[in-house]
N, C-alpha and C. Protein backbone atom coordinates (compact mmCIF):
# COMPACT_ATOMS: atom_id res chain seq x y z
N UNK A 1 -9.16 -166.35 41.86
CA UNK A 1 -8.23 -165.20 41.42
C UNK A 1 -9.48 -163.99 42.26
N UNK A 2 -8.75 -163.33 42.29
CA UNK A 2 -9.02 -161.80 43.46
C UNK A 2 -8.51 -160.70 42.30
N UNK A 3 -9.15 -159.92 42.02
CA UNK A 3 -8.77 -158.84 40.94
C UNK A 3 -9.21 -157.56 41.11
N UNK A 4 -8.96 -156.67 41.06
CA UNK A 4 -9.60 -155.56 40.69
C UNK A 4 -9.88 -154.87 39.57
N UNK A 5 -10.90 -154.52 39.50
CA UNK A 5 -12.04 -153.56 37.94
C UNK A 5 -10.84 -152.55 37.22
N UNK A 6 -10.25 -152.11 36.76
CA UNK A 6 -10.06 -151.12 36.85
C UNK A 6 -10.88 -150.41 35.46
N UNK A 7 -10.56 -151.34 34.03
CA UNK A 7 -11.59 -150.64 32.95
C UNK A 7 -12.51 -151.61 33.01
N UNK A 8 -13.87 -151.69 31.62
CA UNK A 8 -14.59 -152.36 32.12
C UNK A 8 -13.68 -153.82 31.68
N UNK A 9 -13.04 -153.72 30.46
CA UNK A 9 -12.21 -154.88 30.42
C UNK A 9 -10.39 -155.15 30.72
N UNK A 10 -10.11 -154.79 31.37
CA UNK A 10 -8.87 -154.81 32.24
C UNK A 10 -9.11 -154.51 33.63
N UNK A 11 -8.13 -155.61 34.53
CA UNK A 11 -8.21 -156.05 35.77
C UNK A 11 -6.74 -156.44 36.34
N UNK A 12 -6.48 -156.11 37.70
CA UNK A 12 -5.10 -156.70 38.34
C UNK A 12 -5.84 -157.66 39.13
N UNK A 13 -4.79 -158.69 38.58
CA UNK A 13 -4.76 -159.74 39.32
C UNK A 13 -3.49 -159.61 40.84
N UNK A 14 -3.97 -159.67 41.90
CA UNK A 14 -3.61 -158.84 42.82
C UNK A 14 -2.53 -160.48 43.41
N UNK A 15 -3.43 -161.36 43.55
CA UNK A 15 -2.32 -162.75 43.66
C UNK A 15 -0.85 -162.77 43.10
N UNK A 16 -1.15 -162.62 41.54
CA UNK A 16 0.01 -162.48 40.54
C UNK A 16 0.92 -161.43 40.22
N UNK A 17 -0.01 -160.29 40.95
CA UNK A 17 0.64 -159.17 40.49
C UNK A 17 0.44 -158.86 38.87
N UNK A 18 -0.61 -159.00 38.33
CA UNK A 18 -0.38 -158.56 36.65
C UNK A 18 -1.59 -158.44 36.21
N UNK A 19 -1.82 -157.58 34.94
CA UNK A 19 -2.88 -157.32 34.41
C UNK A 19 -3.29 -158.48 33.89
N UNK A 20 -4.51 -158.16 33.57
CA UNK A 20 -5.42 -159.19 33.17
C UNK A 20 -6.57 -158.98 32.58
N UNK A 21 -6.99 -159.43 31.51
CA UNK A 21 -8.43 -159.26 30.82
C UNK A 21 -9.18 -159.68 31.66
N UNK A 22 -10.69 -158.55 32.10
CA UNK A 22 -11.57 -158.87 32.73
C UNK A 22 -12.63 -160.35 31.77
N UNK A 23 -12.46 -160.25 30.49
CA UNK A 23 -13.41 -161.05 29.33
C UNK A 23 -13.32 -162.60 29.91
N UNK A 24 -11.46 -163.30 30.04
CA UNK A 24 -10.96 -164.19 30.19
C UNK A 24 -10.46 -164.67 30.80
N UNK A 25 -9.81 -163.27 31.53
CA UNK A 25 -8.72 -163.84 32.70
C UNK A 25 -7.50 -164.41 32.40
N UNK A 26 -7.32 -164.22 30.91
CA UNK A 26 -5.55 -164.14 30.60
C UNK A 26 -4.96 -163.32 31.05
N UNK A 27 -3.65 -163.62 31.63
CA UNK A 27 -2.75 -163.03 32.31
C UNK A 27 -2.21 -161.61 30.27
N UNK A 28 -1.22 -160.45 30.55
CA UNK A 28 -1.37 -159.75 29.87
C UNK A 28 0.52 -159.59 30.19
N UNK A 29 0.16 -158.50 30.80
CA UNK A 29 1.79 -158.49 31.07
C UNK A 29 1.77 -157.83 32.89
N UNK A 30 3.15 -157.54 33.42
CA UNK A 30 3.28 -157.46 35.06
C UNK A 30 2.80 -156.26 35.01
N UNK A 31 1.79 -156.02 36.64
CA UNK A 31 1.38 -154.62 36.73
C UNK A 31 2.27 -153.97 36.95
N UNK A 32 3.18 -153.55 36.75
CA UNK A 32 4.30 -152.17 37.16
C UNK A 32 5.12 -151.42 35.37
N UNK A 33 4.04 -152.32 34.47
CA UNK A 33 4.41 -152.31 33.10
C UNK A 33 3.43 -151.69 32.71
N UNK A 34 3.44 -151.19 31.53
CA UNK A 34 2.06 -150.64 30.60
C UNK A 34 1.69 -151.60 30.15
N UNK A 35 0.13 -151.94 30.57
CA UNK A 35 -0.37 -152.53 30.17
C UNK A 35 -0.66 -153.24 28.66
N UNK A 36 -0.70 -151.89 28.28
CA UNK A 36 -0.59 -151.79 26.43
C UNK A 36 0.13 -152.93 25.94
N UNK A 37 1.42 -153.04 25.79
CA UNK A 37 2.10 -153.73 25.91
C UNK A 37 2.08 -154.90 25.58
N UNK A 38 1.43 -155.82 26.68
CA UNK A 38 0.98 -156.72 26.85
C UNK A 38 -0.27 -157.22 26.11
N UNK A 39 -1.03 -156.44 24.74
CA UNK A 39 -1.58 -156.93 24.14
C UNK A 39 -1.07 -156.69 22.37
N UNK A 40 -1.50 -157.61 21.93
CA UNK A 40 -1.82 -157.72 20.60
C UNK A 40 -2.58 -156.49 20.10
N UNK A 41 -1.12 -155.85 19.49
CA UNK A 41 -1.44 -154.38 18.66
C UNK A 41 -1.95 -154.07 17.13
N UNK A 42 -3.04 -153.21 16.75
CA UNK A 42 -3.12 -153.22 15.63
C UNK A 42 -3.43 -151.94 15.40
N UNK A 43 -2.91 -151.21 13.72
CA UNK A 43 -3.06 -149.88 13.73
C UNK A 43 -3.79 -149.98 12.24
N UNK A 44 -5.11 -148.80 12.76
CA UNK A 44 -5.65 -149.01 11.62
C UNK A 44 -5.69 -147.29 10.78
N UNK A 45 -6.19 -147.20 9.85
CA UNK A 45 -6.10 -146.16 8.72
C UNK A 45 -7.66 -145.60 9.56
N UNK A 46 -7.55 -143.91 9.69
CA UNK A 46 -9.03 -143.92 10.17
C UNK A 46 -10.44 -144.03 9.45
N UNK A 47 -9.87 -143.91 7.93
CA UNK A 47 -10.81 -143.68 7.30
C UNK A 47 -11.75 -145.38 7.03
N UNK A 48 -10.96 -146.57 7.21
CA UNK A 48 -11.36 -147.86 7.81
C UNK A 48 -13.00 -147.61 9.07
N UNK A 49 -12.65 -146.75 9.96
CA UNK A 49 -13.52 -146.61 10.96
C UNK A 49 -14.19 -145.37 10.69
N UNK A 50 -14.60 -144.99 9.49
CA UNK A 50 -14.94 -143.67 9.44
C UNK A 50 -15.47 -143.79 8.32
N UNK A 51 -16.48 -143.94 8.10
CA UNK A 51 -16.49 -144.15 6.60
C UNK A 51 -17.44 -142.93 6.00
N UNK A 52 -17.30 -142.82 5.30
CA UNK A 52 -18.28 -141.16 4.96
C UNK A 52 -19.54 -142.40 3.89
N UNK A 53 -20.48 -141.45 4.43
CA UNK A 53 -21.94 -141.66 4.42
C UNK A 53 -22.22 -140.69 2.33
N UNK A 54 -21.36 -139.41 2.04
CA UNK A 54 -21.72 -138.98 1.38
C UNK A 54 -20.50 -138.79 0.03
N UNK A 55 -20.31 -138.88 -1.07
CA UNK A 55 -19.12 -138.60 -1.89
C UNK A 55 -18.84 -137.24 -1.88
N UNK A 56 -17.81 -136.99 -0.98
CA UNK A 56 -17.33 -135.57 -1.40
C UNK A 56 -15.78 -135.64 -0.97
N UNK A 57 -15.09 -134.71 -1.27
CA UNK A 57 -13.68 -134.42 -0.85
C UNK A 57 -13.39 -134.59 0.58
N UNK A 58 -14.72 -133.55 1.34
CA UNK A 58 -15.04 -133.42 2.57
C UNK A 58 -15.10 -134.61 3.60
N UNK A 59 -14.38 -135.35 4.62
CA UNK A 59 -14.56 -136.40 4.95
C UNK A 59 -14.99 -135.91 7.33
N UNK A 60 -15.29 -136.82 7.30
CA UNK A 60 -15.26 -136.86 8.72
C UNK A 60 -14.68 -137.69 9.51
N UNK A 61 -13.45 -138.35 8.85
CA UNK A 61 -12.40 -138.86 9.36
C UNK A 61 -10.93 -138.38 9.13
N UNK A 62 -10.34 -137.99 10.66
CA UNK A 62 -9.18 -138.30 10.49
C UNK A 62 -8.58 -138.49 9.66
N UNK A 63 -7.50 -137.30 8.54
CA UNK A 63 -6.78 -137.14 7.68
C UNK A 63 -5.53 -138.43 8.26
N UNK A 64 -5.02 -139.49 7.23
CA UNK A 64 -4.22 -140.90 7.75
C UNK A 64 -2.39 -140.36 7.96
N UNK A 65 -2.54 -139.01 6.88
CA UNK A 65 -1.21 -138.35 6.92
C UNK A 65 -0.58 -137.95 8.32
N UNK A 66 -1.96 -137.28 9.15
CA UNK A 66 -1.57 -137.10 10.64
C UNK A 66 -2.00 -137.77 11.79
N UNK A 67 -2.66 -138.84 11.62
CA UNK A 67 -3.48 -139.70 12.88
C UNK A 67 -3.28 -141.04 12.24
N UNK A 68 -3.19 -141.99 13.23
CA UNK A 68 -3.47 -143.36 13.77
C UNK A 68 -4.12 -143.62 15.07
N UNK A 69 -4.80 -144.48 14.20
CA UNK A 69 -5.80 -145.20 15.48
C UNK A 69 -5.49 -146.78 15.80
N UNK A 70 -4.62 -146.37 16.97
CA UNK A 70 -4.14 -148.21 17.56
C UNK A 70 -5.83 -148.61 18.61
N UNK A 71 -5.33 -149.78 18.23
CA UNK A 71 -6.39 -150.95 18.53
C UNK A 71 -5.49 -151.52 19.89
N UNK A 72 -5.99 -152.23 20.68
CA UNK A 72 -5.63 -153.25 22.05
C UNK A 72 -5.98 -154.39 22.09
N UNK A 73 -5.82 -155.48 21.63
CA UNK A 73 -6.48 -156.46 21.72
C UNK A 73 -6.34 -157.47 22.65
N UNK A 74 -6.97 -158.28 23.74
CA UNK A 74 -5.97 -159.52 24.45
C UNK A 74 -5.91 -160.80 23.24
N UNK A 75 -4.43 -160.66 23.44
CA UNK A 75 -3.98 -162.11 23.29
C UNK A 75 -4.78 -163.25 23.41
N UNK A 76 -5.18 -163.73 24.19
CA UNK A 76 -5.95 -164.89 24.03
C UNK A 76 -7.33 -164.98 23.94
N UNK A 77 -7.93 -164.43 24.09
CA UNK A 77 -9.53 -163.86 23.29
C UNK A 77 -9.73 -163.17 22.25
N UNK A 78 -8.78 -161.93 22.21
CA UNK A 78 -9.45 -161.35 21.42
C UNK A 78 -10.25 -159.83 21.36
N UNK A 79 -10.76 -159.62 22.43
CA UNK A 79 -11.79 -158.58 22.72
C UNK A 79 -10.63 -157.46 23.16
N UNK A 80 -11.16 -156.42 22.34
CA UNK A 80 -10.39 -155.34 22.39
C UNK A 80 -10.61 -154.30 23.54
N UNK A 81 -8.90 -154.35 24.53
CA UNK A 81 -9.16 -153.56 25.48
C UNK A 81 -9.52 -152.52 25.54
N UNK A 82 -8.82 -151.52 24.83
CA UNK A 82 -8.62 -149.93 24.40
C UNK A 82 -7.82 -149.83 23.19
N UNK A 83 -8.55 -149.07 22.70
CA UNK A 83 -7.95 -147.77 21.96
C UNK A 83 -7.44 -146.54 21.79
N UNK A 84 -6.73 -145.89 21.09
CA UNK A 84 -6.45 -144.57 21.09
C UNK A 84 -6.15 -144.07 19.33
N UNK A 85 -6.10 -142.63 20.06
CA UNK A 85 -6.03 -142.27 18.40
C UNK A 85 -4.50 -141.28 18.67
N UNK A 86 -3.72 -141.68 17.64
CA UNK A 86 -2.28 -140.94 17.98
C UNK A 86 -2.01 -139.93 16.63
N UNK A 87 -0.92 -139.09 16.58
CA UNK A 87 -0.21 -138.42 15.74
C UNK A 87 1.05 -139.28 15.44
N UNK A 88 1.03 -139.34 13.74
CA UNK A 88 1.97 -140.12 13.39
C UNK A 88 3.16 -139.75 14.43
N UNK A 89 4.26 -140.87 14.41
CA UNK A 89 5.29 -140.72 15.16
C UNK A 89 4.84 -141.25 16.58
N UNK A 90 3.51 -140.48 17.40
CA UNK A 90 3.78 -140.85 18.41
C UNK A 90 4.05 -142.11 19.18
N UNK A 91 4.60 -141.98 20.54
CA UNK A 91 4.87 -143.36 21.18
C UNK A 91 3.44 -144.00 21.66
N UNK A 92 3.50 -145.15 21.88
CA UNK A 92 2.04 -145.59 22.31
C UNK A 92 1.60 -144.89 23.86
N UNK A 93 0.88 -144.56 24.13
CA UNK A 93 0.40 -143.33 25.35
C UNK A 93 0.57 -144.66 26.86
N UNK A 94 0.99 -144.50 27.96
CA UNK A 94 1.04 -145.39 29.59
C UNK A 94 -0.40 -144.33 30.30
N UNK A 95 -0.42 -144.68 29.85
CA UNK A 95 -2.17 -143.75 30.55
C UNK A 95 -2.12 -144.98 31.81
N UNK A 96 -2.60 -145.67 32.64
CA UNK A 96 -2.70 -146.27 33.93
C UNK A 96 -1.50 -146.48 34.75
N UNK A 97 -1.10 -145.69 35.42
CA UNK A 97 0.18 -146.36 36.59
C UNK A 97 -0.80 -146.87 37.91
N UNK A 98 -0.81 -148.14 38.72
CA UNK A 98 -0.69 -148.44 39.28
C UNK A 98 0.10 -148.65 40.65
N UNK A 99 -0.17 -147.97 41.70
CA UNK A 99 0.72 -148.55 43.28
C UNK A 99 -0.01 -149.32 44.16
N UNK A 100 0.88 -150.76 43.62
CA UNK A 100 -0.02 -151.91 44.34
C UNK A 100 0.34 -151.87 46.03
N UNK A 101 1.09 -151.00 45.93
CA UNK A 101 1.05 -151.09 48.08
C UNK A 101 -0.40 -150.21 48.44
N UNK A 102 -0.25 -149.51 47.75
CA UNK A 102 -1.58 -148.56 47.92
C UNK A 102 -2.67 -149.05 47.24
N UNK A 103 -2.98 -149.60 46.54
CA UNK A 103 -4.08 -150.36 46.05
C UNK A 103 -4.89 -151.53 47.59
N UNK A 104 -3.46 -152.23 47.61
CA UNK A 104 -3.67 -153.09 49.08
C UNK A 104 -4.09 -152.78 49.78
N UNK A 105 -3.81 -151.31 50.94
CA UNK A 105 -4.33 -150.37 51.74
C UNK A 105 -5.44 -150.05 51.50
N UNK A 106 -6.21 -149.68 50.25
CA UNK A 106 -7.47 -148.78 50.33
C UNK A 106 -8.49 -150.14 50.15
N UNK A 107 -7.79 -151.43 49.38
CA UNK A 107 -8.70 -152.33 49.74
C UNK A 107 -9.06 -153.21 51.20
N UNK A 108 -8.02 -153.23 51.99
CA UNK A 108 -8.09 -153.71 53.79
C UNK A 108 -8.83 -152.74 54.35
N UNK A 109 -8.10 -151.44 53.81
CA UNK A 109 -9.62 -150.35 54.04
C UNK A 109 -11.16 -150.93 54.11
N UNK A 110 -11.41 -151.37 53.36
CA UNK A 110 -12.77 -151.55 52.81
C UNK A 110 -13.24 -150.68 51.24
N UNK A 111 -12.26 -149.84 50.96
CA UNK A 111 -13.21 -148.93 50.31
C UNK A 111 -12.48 -149.05 48.58
N UNK A 112 -11.97 -149.96 48.50
CA UNK A 112 -12.12 -150.49 46.82
C UNK A 112 -12.60 -152.43 46.86
N UNK A 113 -13.74 -152.38 45.76
CA UNK A 113 -14.74 -153.54 45.72
C UNK A 113 -13.77 -154.54 44.89
N UNK A 114 -14.25 -155.97 45.48
CA UNK A 114 -12.89 -157.12 45.04
C UNK A 114 -14.11 -157.46 43.85
N UNK A 115 -13.21 -157.88 42.39
CA UNK A 115 -14.15 -158.91 42.13
C UNK A 115 -13.36 -160.06 42.23
N UNK A 116 -14.37 -161.40 42.67
CA UNK A 116 -13.79 -163.05 42.92
C UNK A 116 -14.16 -163.54 41.92
N UNK A 117 -13.24 -163.92 40.72
CA UNK A 117 -13.26 -164.71 39.76
C UNK A 117 -13.24 -166.65 39.38
N UNK A 118 -13.77 -167.60 39.52
CA UNK A 118 -13.00 -168.48 39.19
C UNK A 118 -11.94 -168.76 38.31
C-alpha cells in the first residue's frame, strides 16, 4: 500500500483513494468524504478532561452547557485520530479537503514524500 501522511494518525491510500488510519492501515471512508464520519465518535463532557485540582466554584474546564468535546477514533484499532471543541449544536467540522488529482501531480513531481506500508 502506498499512502500519503496527512496528519500523524491519518493517511490517504492512493491505490484505493480511501482515508486510512496510519496506525493500523484500516480503511475509514473514501477520500472525497469527511474522514471524521468514518471514525467512531465519542462526545465528552469537558469536566471529564479538565479536572479541577482545587475545590472552588471557578473551574478551568469549559462550561458543558456551552461546549462539548468530540473525539474521533479509528473503528479498527481504537487510536484517537482527532478531537475538537465545539459549541452545542455545531456540526462536526470538515477540516481537510484533498484534491486527489493535484496530490498525484505533486507526487509525480517529487515534492511530496510517500510512505510505503506492508
